[in-house]
Amino acid sequence: MARVFSGIKPTGHLTLGNYLGAMRRWADVDQHRSDALFCIVDLHALTVDHDPARVRRLSRQGATLLLASGLDPELCTVFVQSHVGEHTRLSYVLECVATDGEMRRMIQYKEKSVRERARGGSVRLSLLTYPALMAADILAYGADEVPVGDDQTQHVELTRDLAVRFNQRYGHTFVVPRATPPAVAARVMNLQDPTSKMGKSDDSGPGIVYLLDEPDVVRKKVMRAVTDSGQDVVYDREARPGVANLLEILAACTGGNPAALGGVYESYGALKKDTAEAVVEVLRPVQARHKELCADPVYVEGVLRDGAEKARAMARPTVDAAYRAIGLLEPVPEPVLNAAR
């Protein structure tokens, strides 16, 4: 059975893009066909200026929404990254394998460092090096597959490069993973700027549908979505990005094909109305289950505690093997106390 690993950063409220692009697939497909681990990668949220209380709140909310989306702790492992020390243990080892050039070529580093400087802030070293931590997240568990959107495939390619390089230099230690993007709605775009991803780290605005938005709020955001010049509804990602985004969202919500759906509608208004209702219906069970889980925080805490314990047991042998392979001494065992005493 293949092993799958993926995670979500608690840098903002989870969005429709997170759900259609990742979470729903995790629940409907990945946890049933594989040995799957899903993680709130809270350490990655520390690479930019942040409010500690907000990170804790969003980490808890994110874990609750993962469960509300259908992840079953009987079928998969759900945990918080910082609860498993093997991630940071392995991260430094991989920093010793990666190069400065590789880190600086990461698109997200380039984009985020520009934004941080534009805001008058300083760029933290962790923003440069966190792809090594992301690689550690994956390699520690011997993951075969990493289900990601197309904006994260560069990080998986780096992970593959580091795994291959480590294995060649120090002996076979890591499984070399591959990215597995979803077929439809791999990258849901902002409703007000269909050339930009619907990102949870963005400022609040009408272009972002959050998983916990009320139905009327969802309808209003979709009905106000930017479309394109012209009148006909045609699926063309390059020439008609606004309409294409709506068609992809509708297709992902209803199980249809965006190109085929393009031939069904004669007006943008009708397309928007059906897309809005489809999104409302897709989010309805998630929101209902989230409400139930919020009323039982002890259950959620227990899932995360048990998940961290399982994850730790899976990761430790691989991380220990990496330490030995790269030349680190094994820890001296604690002396056994005299049983007679």
Protein backbone atom coordinates (compact mmCIF):
# COMPACT_ATOMS: atom_id res chain seq x y z
CA MET A 1 0.00 0.00 0.00
CA ALA A 2 1.34 3.41 -0.98
CA ARG A 3 2.03 5.97 1.74
CA VAL A 4 0.70 9.51 1.25
CA PHE A 5 1.66 12.68 3.14
CA SER A 6 0.28 16.18 2.84
CA GLY A 7 -0.28 19.19 5.06
CA ILE A 8 -1.89 22.60 5.41
CA LYS A 9 -0.36 25.74 6.91
CA PRO A 10 -2.35 27.62 9.57
CA THR A 11 -1.61 31.01 8.01
CA GLY A 12 -5.23 31.93 7.34
CA HIS A 13 -8.77 30.61 7.33
CA LEU A 14 -9.14 27.61 5.03
CA THR A 15 -10.77 28.34 1.70
CA LEU A 16 -12.83 26.70 -1.00
CA GLY A 17 -9.56 26.28 -2.89
CA ASN A 18 -8.07 24.25 -0.03
CA TYR A 19 -11.15 22.04 0.03
CA LEU A 20 -11.63 21.44 -3.70
CA GLY A 21 -7.92 21.30 -4.45
CA ALA A 22 -6.87 19.04 -1.60
CA MET A 23 -9.01 18.26 1.44
CA ARG A 24 -11.94 16.62 -0.32
CA ARG A 25 -9.64 14.36 -2.28
CA TRP A 26 -7.83 13.39 0.90
CA ALA A 27 -11.12 12.32 2.47
CA ASP A 28 -12.76 10.74 -0.57
CA VAL A 29 -9.77 9.02 -2.13
CA ASP A 30 -6.40 9.09 -0.39
CA GLN A 31 -7.34 7.87 3.08
CA HIS A 32 -9.13 4.86 1.57
CA ARG A 33 -6.46 3.72 -0.88
CA SER A 34 -3.27 4.40 1.05
CA ASP A 35 -1.48 4.64 4.36
CA ALA A 36 -2.14 8.37 4.67
CA LEU A 37 -0.87 11.11 6.98
CA PHE A 38 -2.33 14.62 7.05
CA CYS A 39 -0.73 17.36 9.05
CA ILE A 40 -1.23 20.92 10.24
CA VAL A 41 2.23 22.24 9.40
CA ASP A 42 2.31 24.95 12.07
CA LEU A 43 6.09 25.42 12.01
CA HIS A 44 5.79 26.74 8.45
CA ALA A 45 3.53 29.51 9.73
CA LEU A 46 6.46 30.99 11.67
CA THR A 47 8.49 31.97 8.59
CA VAL A 48 6.81 35.40 8.36
CA ASP A 49 5.56 37.94 10.87
CA HIS A 50 2.67 36.38 12.78
CA ASP A 51 0.47 36.62 15.86
CA PRO A 52 1.17 33.60 18.13
CA ALA A 53 -2.40 33.44 19.42
CA ARG A 54 -3.74 33.49 15.86
CA VAL A 55 -1.43 30.65 14.80
CA ARG A 56 -2.70 28.53 17.71
CA ARG A 57 -6.32 29.39 16.91
CA LEU A 58 -5.97 28.65 13.21
CA SER A 59 -4.07 25.42 13.91
CA ARG A 60 -6.96 24.18 16.05
CA GLN A 61 -9.52 25.35 13.52
CA GLY A 62 -7.60 23.76 10.65
CA ALA A 63 -7.40 20.40 12.41
CA THR A 64 -11.12 20.54 13.16
CA LEU A 65 -11.90 21.33 9.51
CA LEU A 66 -9.75 18.44 8.32
CA LEU A 67 -11.90 16.13 10.40
CA ALA A 68 -15.08 17.93 9.30
CA SER A 69 -14.10 17.40 5.66
CA GLY A 70 -14.27 13.65 6.19
CA LEU A 71 -10.85 12.53 7.40
CA ASP A 72 -11.35 9.52 9.65
CA PRO A 73 -8.67 8.88 12.32
CA GLU A 74 -9.49 5.17 12.00
CA LEU A 75 -8.34 5.31 8.36
CA CYS A 76 -5.56 7.91 8.40
CA THR A 77 -3.24 9.81 10.74
CA VAL A 78 -4.12 13.43 11.55
CA PHE A 79 -1.64 15.42 13.64
CA VAL A 80 0.17 18.71 14.21
CA GLN A 81 3.70 19.05 12.86
CA SER A 82 5.25 20.66 15.96
CA HIS A 83 4.04 17.73 18.09
CA VAL A 84 6.45 15.39 16.29
CA GLY A 85 10.10 16.32 16.89
CA GLU A 86 11.37 14.18 14.01
CA HIS A 87 10.42 16.92 11.54
CA THR A 88 12.94 19.39 12.91
CA ARG A 89 15.53 16.69 13.59
CA LEU A 90 15.56 15.75 9.94
CA SER A 91 15.22 19.30 8.63
CA TYR A 92 18.74 20.29 9.71
CA VAL A 93 20.23 17.18 8.14
CA LEU A 94 18.56 18.08 4.84
CA GLU A 95 19.81 21.66 5.10
CA CYS A 96 23.27 20.08 5.12
CA VAL A 97 22.44 18.38 1.82
CA ALA A 98 20.65 21.28 0.08
CA THR A 99 22.44 24.22 -1.53
CA ASP A 100 21.95 27.94 -1.12
CA GLY A 101 21.10 28.23 -4.81
CA GLU A 102 18.32 25.68 -4.55
CA MET A 103 16.72 27.54 -1.67
CA ARG A 104 16.88 30.90 -3.43
CA ARG A 105 15.30 29.51 -6.60
CA MET A 106 12.10 28.61 -4.77
CA ILE A 107 9.28 30.69 -6.25
CA GLN A 108 7.50 31.14 -2.92
CA TYR A 109 10.68 32.50 -1.33
CA LYS A 110 11.04 35.03 -4.12
CA GLU A 111 7.40 36.14 -3.89
CA LYS A 112 7.13 36.24 -0.11
CA SER A 113 10.47 37.97 0.44
CA VAL A 114 9.40 40.73 -1.96
CA ARG A 115 6.12 41.15 -0.06
CA GLU A 116 7.86 41.25 3.32
CA ARG A 117 10.30 43.93 2.14
CA ALA A 118 7.47 45.94 0.57
CA ARG A 119 5.74 45.97 3.96
CA GLY A 120 8.88 47.31 5.57
CA GLY A 121 9.66 44.05 7.35
CA SER A 122 12.76 41.92 7.39
CA VAL A 123 13.02 38.55 5.68
CA ARG A 124 13.50 35.73 8.17
CA LEU A 125 16.11 33.07 7.54
CA SER A 126 13.43 30.41 7.98
CA LEU A 127 11.63 31.74 4.90
CA LEU A 128 14.70 30.77 2.88
CA THR A 129 15.30 27.39 4.53
CA TYR A 130 11.79 26.12 5.13
CA PRO A 131 11.72 24.01 1.93
CA ALA A 132 14.20 21.74 3.75
CA LEU A 133 11.66 21.39 6.55
CA MET A 134 8.97 20.66 3.99
CA ALA A 135 11.21 17.96 2.52
CA ALA A 136 11.71 16.56 6.01
CA ASP A 137 7.93 16.47 6.51
CA ILE A 138 7.67 14.16 3.51
CA LEU A 139 10.83 12.08 3.70
CA ALA A 140 10.53 11.26 7.41
CA TYR A 141 7.52 9.05 6.65
CA GLY A 142 8.78 7.34 3.52
CA ALA A 143 5.90 8.88 1.57
CA ASP A 144 5.43 7.60 -1.96
CA GLU A 145 2.96 10.32 -2.98
CA VAL A 146 2.38 13.95 -2.07
CA PRO A 147 -1.04 15.22 -3.24
CA VAL A 148 -0.47 18.93 -3.92
CA GLY A 149 -1.70 21.78 -6.07
CA ASP A 150 0.48 22.96 -8.93
CA ASP A 151 1.89 25.81 -6.80
CA GLN A 152 3.64 23.26 -4.58
CA THR A 153 5.11 20.93 -7.17
CA GLN A 154 8.43 22.80 -7.11
CA HIS A 155 8.83 21.90 -3.43
CA VAL A 156 8.16 18.24 -4.15
CA GLU A 157 10.76 18.31 -6.93
CA LEU A 158 13.27 19.73 -4.45
CA THR A 159 12.34 16.97 -2.01
CA ARG A 160 13.01 14.39 -4.71
CA ASP A 161 16.39 15.97 -5.50
CA LEU A 162 17.43 15.96 -1.84
CA ALA A 163 16.34 12.36 -1.36
CA VAL A 164 18.27 11.19 -4.42
CA ARG A 165 21.37 13.18 -3.44
CA PHE A 166 21.32 11.88 0.14
CA ASN A 167 20.86 8.28 -1.02
CA GLN A 168 23.76 8.59 -3.48
CA ARG A 169 26.15 10.16 -0.97
CA TYR A 170 25.31 8.28 2.22
CA GLY A 171 23.50 5.11 1.22
CA HIS A 172 19.87 4.40 0.47
CA THR A 173 17.78 5.94 3.23
CA PHE A 174 14.79 7.74 1.74
CA VAL A 175 11.91 6.84 -0.51
CA VAL A 176 11.84 9.25 -3.47
CA PRO A 177 8.28 10.67 -3.55
CA ARG A 178 6.21 12.02 -6.42
CA ALA A 179 3.64 14.80 -6.59
CA THR A 180 0.08 13.75 -7.45
CA PRO A 181 -2.01 16.79 -8.48
CA PRO A 182 -5.82 16.52 -8.61
CA ALA A 183 -7.45 16.30 -12.03
CA VAL A 184 -9.90 19.21 -11.65
CA ALA A 185 -9.70 22.49 -9.72
CA ALA A 186 -6.05 21.90 -8.82
CA ARG A 187 -5.73 25.63 -8.34
CA VAL A 188 -8.93 27.53 -7.56
CA MET A 189 -8.41 31.17 -8.40
CA ASN A 190 -9.46 34.37 -6.65
CA LEU A 191 -12.96 35.40 -7.73
CA GLN A 192 -11.91 39.04 -8.08
CA ASP A 193 -8.54 38.29 -9.69
CA PRO A 194 -8.79 35.02 -11.63
CA THR A 195 -5.10 35.14 -12.47
CA SER A 196 -4.18 34.75 -8.78
CA LYS A 197 -4.68 31.76 -6.50
CA MET A 198 -7.49 31.84 -3.92
CA GLY A 199 -5.00 31.86 -1.04
CA LYS A 200 -5.86 31.61 2.63
CA SER A 201 -2.97 33.94 3.50
CA ASP A 202 -4.46 36.78 1.47
CA ASP A 203 -6.26 39.68 3.07
CA SER A 204 -9.97 39.15 3.59
CA GLY A 205 -11.92 40.13 0.51
CA PRO A 206 -14.79 39.31 -1.83
CA GLY A 207 -12.60 37.13 -4.02
CA ILE A 208 -12.03 34.46 -1.37
CA VAL A 209 -14.66 31.93 -0.29
CA TYR A 210 -13.85 30.58 3.17
CA LEU A 211 -15.05 27.17 4.31
CA LEU A 212 -16.96 28.72 7.20
CA ASP A 213 -18.61 31.52 5.18
CA GLU A 214 -22.39 31.68 5.63
CA PRO A 215 -24.42 30.61 2.55
CA ASP A 216 -25.56 34.16 1.77
CA VAL A 217 -21.95 35.37 1.95
CA VAL A 218 -20.91 32.62 -0.47
CA ARG A 219 -23.67 33.55 -2.90
CA LYS A 220 -22.75 37.23 -2.79
CA LYS A 221 -19.05 36.54 -3.45
CA VAL A 222 -19.73 34.21 -6.38
CA MET A 223 -22.35 36.47 -7.94
CA ARG A 224 -19.83 39.35 -7.83
CA ALA A 225 -17.05 37.29 -9.40
CA VAL A 226 -15.09 38.95 -12.17
CA THR A 227 -15.79 37.46 -15.59
CA ASP A 228 -14.41 38.49 -18.99
CA SER A 229 -15.24 40.62 -21.99
CA GLY A 230 -17.71 39.06 -24.38
CA GLN A 231 -21.01 37.29 -23.79
CA ASP A 232 -20.55 33.61 -24.63
CA VAL A 233 -19.63 31.12 -21.91
CA VAL A 234 -16.52 29.31 -23.16
CA TYR A 235 -13.91 27.36 -21.21
CA ASP A 236 -10.59 28.95 -22.11
CA ARG A 237 -8.12 29.31 -19.23
CA GLU A 238 -5.85 31.70 -21.14
CA ALA A 239 -8.33 33.96 -22.90
CA ARG A 240 -11.24 33.76 -20.43
CA PRO A 241 -9.70 33.19 -16.97
CA GLY A 242 -12.73 34.51 -15.03
CA VAL A 243 -15.26 32.26 -16.75
CA ALA A 244 -12.81 29.34 -16.72
CA ASN A 245 -12.41 29.68 -12.96
CA LEU A 246 -16.19 29.58 -12.42
CA LEU A 247 -16.54 26.58 -14.73
CA GLU A 248 -13.74 24.73 -12.90
CA ILE A 249 -15.32 25.43 -9.53
CA LEU A 250 -18.73 24.29 -10.77
CA ALA A 251 -17.20 21.17 -12.31
CA ALA A 252 -15.36 20.32 -9.11
CA CYS A 253 -18.52 20.77 -7.03
CA THR A 254 -20.79 18.77 -9.32
CA GLY A 255 -18.46 16.17 -10.81
CA GLY A 256 -18.78 17.67 -14.30
CA ASN A 257 -16.32 18.68 -16.98
CA PRO A 258 -15.54 22.40 -17.26
CA ALA A 259 -15.31 22.39 -21.05
CA ALA A 260 -18.63 20.54 -21.40
CA LEU A 261 -20.31 22.82 -18.87
CA GLY A 262 -19.24 25.81 -20.94
CA GLY A 263 -21.68 24.76 -23.66
CA VAL A 264 -24.62 24.60 -21.26
CA TYR A 265 -24.87 28.27 -20.31
CA GLU A 266 -25.98 31.22 -22.39
CA SER A 267 -25.17 33.93 -19.84
CA TYR A 268 -22.65 34.70 -17.13
CA GLY A 269 -25.47 35.32 -14.65
CA ALA A 270 -26.86 31.81 -14.98
CA LEU A 271 -23.37 30.33 -14.62
CA LYS A 272 -22.72 32.37 -11.48
CA LYS A 273 -26.06 31.41 -9.92
CA ASP A 274 -25.52 27.68 -10.43
CA THR A 275 -21.91 27.91 -9.27
CA ALA A 276 -22.94 29.74 -6.10
CA GLU A 277 -25.58 27.13 -5.23
CA ALA A 278 -23.17 24.29 -5.98
CA VAL A 279 -20.57 25.78 -3.61
CA VAL A 280 -23.18 26.30 -0.87
CA GLU A 281 -24.24 22.65 -1.12
CA VAL A 282 -20.68 21.36 -1.11
CA LEU A 283 -19.82 23.33 2.03
CA ARG A 284 -23.06 22.55 3.90
CA PRO A 285 -22.03 19.14 5.36
CA VAL A 286 -18.53 20.40 6.18
CA GLN A 287 -19.92 23.33 8.15
CA ALA A 288 -22.43 21.13 9.97
CA ARG A 289 -19.75 18.62 11.01
CA HIS A 290 -17.42 21.47 12.04
CA LYS A 291 -20.11 22.78 14.37
CA GLU A 292 -20.45 19.34 15.97
CA LEU A 293 -16.70 18.97 16.46
CA CYS A 294 -16.37 22.43 18.00
CA ALA A 295 -18.83 21.28 20.65
CA ASP A 296 -16.53 18.34 21.48
CA PRO A 297 -12.98 19.76 21.76
CA VAL A 298 -11.83 16.81 23.89
CA TYR A 299 -12.41 14.49 20.92
CA VAL A 300 -10.36 16.69 18.58
CA GLU A 301 -7.52 16.94 21.11
CA GLY A 302 -7.53 13.16 21.49
CA VAL A 303 -7.30 12.66 17.72
CA LEU A 304 -4.30 15.00 17.52
CA ARG A 305 -2.58 13.37 20.50
CA ASP A 306 -3.04 9.85 19.12
CA GLY A 307 -2.08 11.03 15.64
CA ALA A 308 1.19 12.53 16.87
CA GLU A 309 2.04 9.32 18.68
CA LYS A 310 1.45 7.24 15.54
CA ALA A 311 3.37 9.71 13.36
CA ARG A 312 6.31 9.75 15.76
CA ALA A 313 6.54 5.96 15.70
CA MET A 314 6.52 5.96 11.89
CA ALA A 315 9.09 8.73 11.45
CA ARG A 316 11.66 7.88 14.11
CA PRO A 317 13.26 4.84 12.40
CA THR A 318 13.85 6.76 9.17
CA VAL A 319 15.23 9.84 10.92
CA ASP A 320 17.49 7.69 13.11
CA ALA A 321 18.76 5.93 9.98
CA ALA A 322 19.47 9.31 8.32
CA TYR A 323 21.47 10.41 11.38
CA ARG A 324 23.56 7.24 11.26
CA ALA A 325 24.06 7.46 7.50
CA ILE A 326 25.30 11.06 7.54
CA GLY A 327 27.85 10.30 10.27
CA LEU A 328 26.28 11.21 13.61
CA LEU A 329 26.94 9.11 16.68
CA GLU A 330 24.05 7.20 18.13
CA PRO A 331 22.97 8.43 21.58
CA VAL A 332 24.52 6.66 24.54
CA PRO A 333 21.71 4.76 26.28
CA GLU A 334 20.74 5.71 29.78
CA PRO A 335 22.32 3.42 32.39
CA VAL A 336 20.00 0.69 33.66
CA LEU A 337 19.33 1.05 37.36
CA ASN A 338 20.23 -1.91 39.53
CA ALA A 339 17.06 -3.94 39.92
CA ALA A 340 18.05 -4.93 43.46
CA ARG A 341 18.00 -1.29 44.52
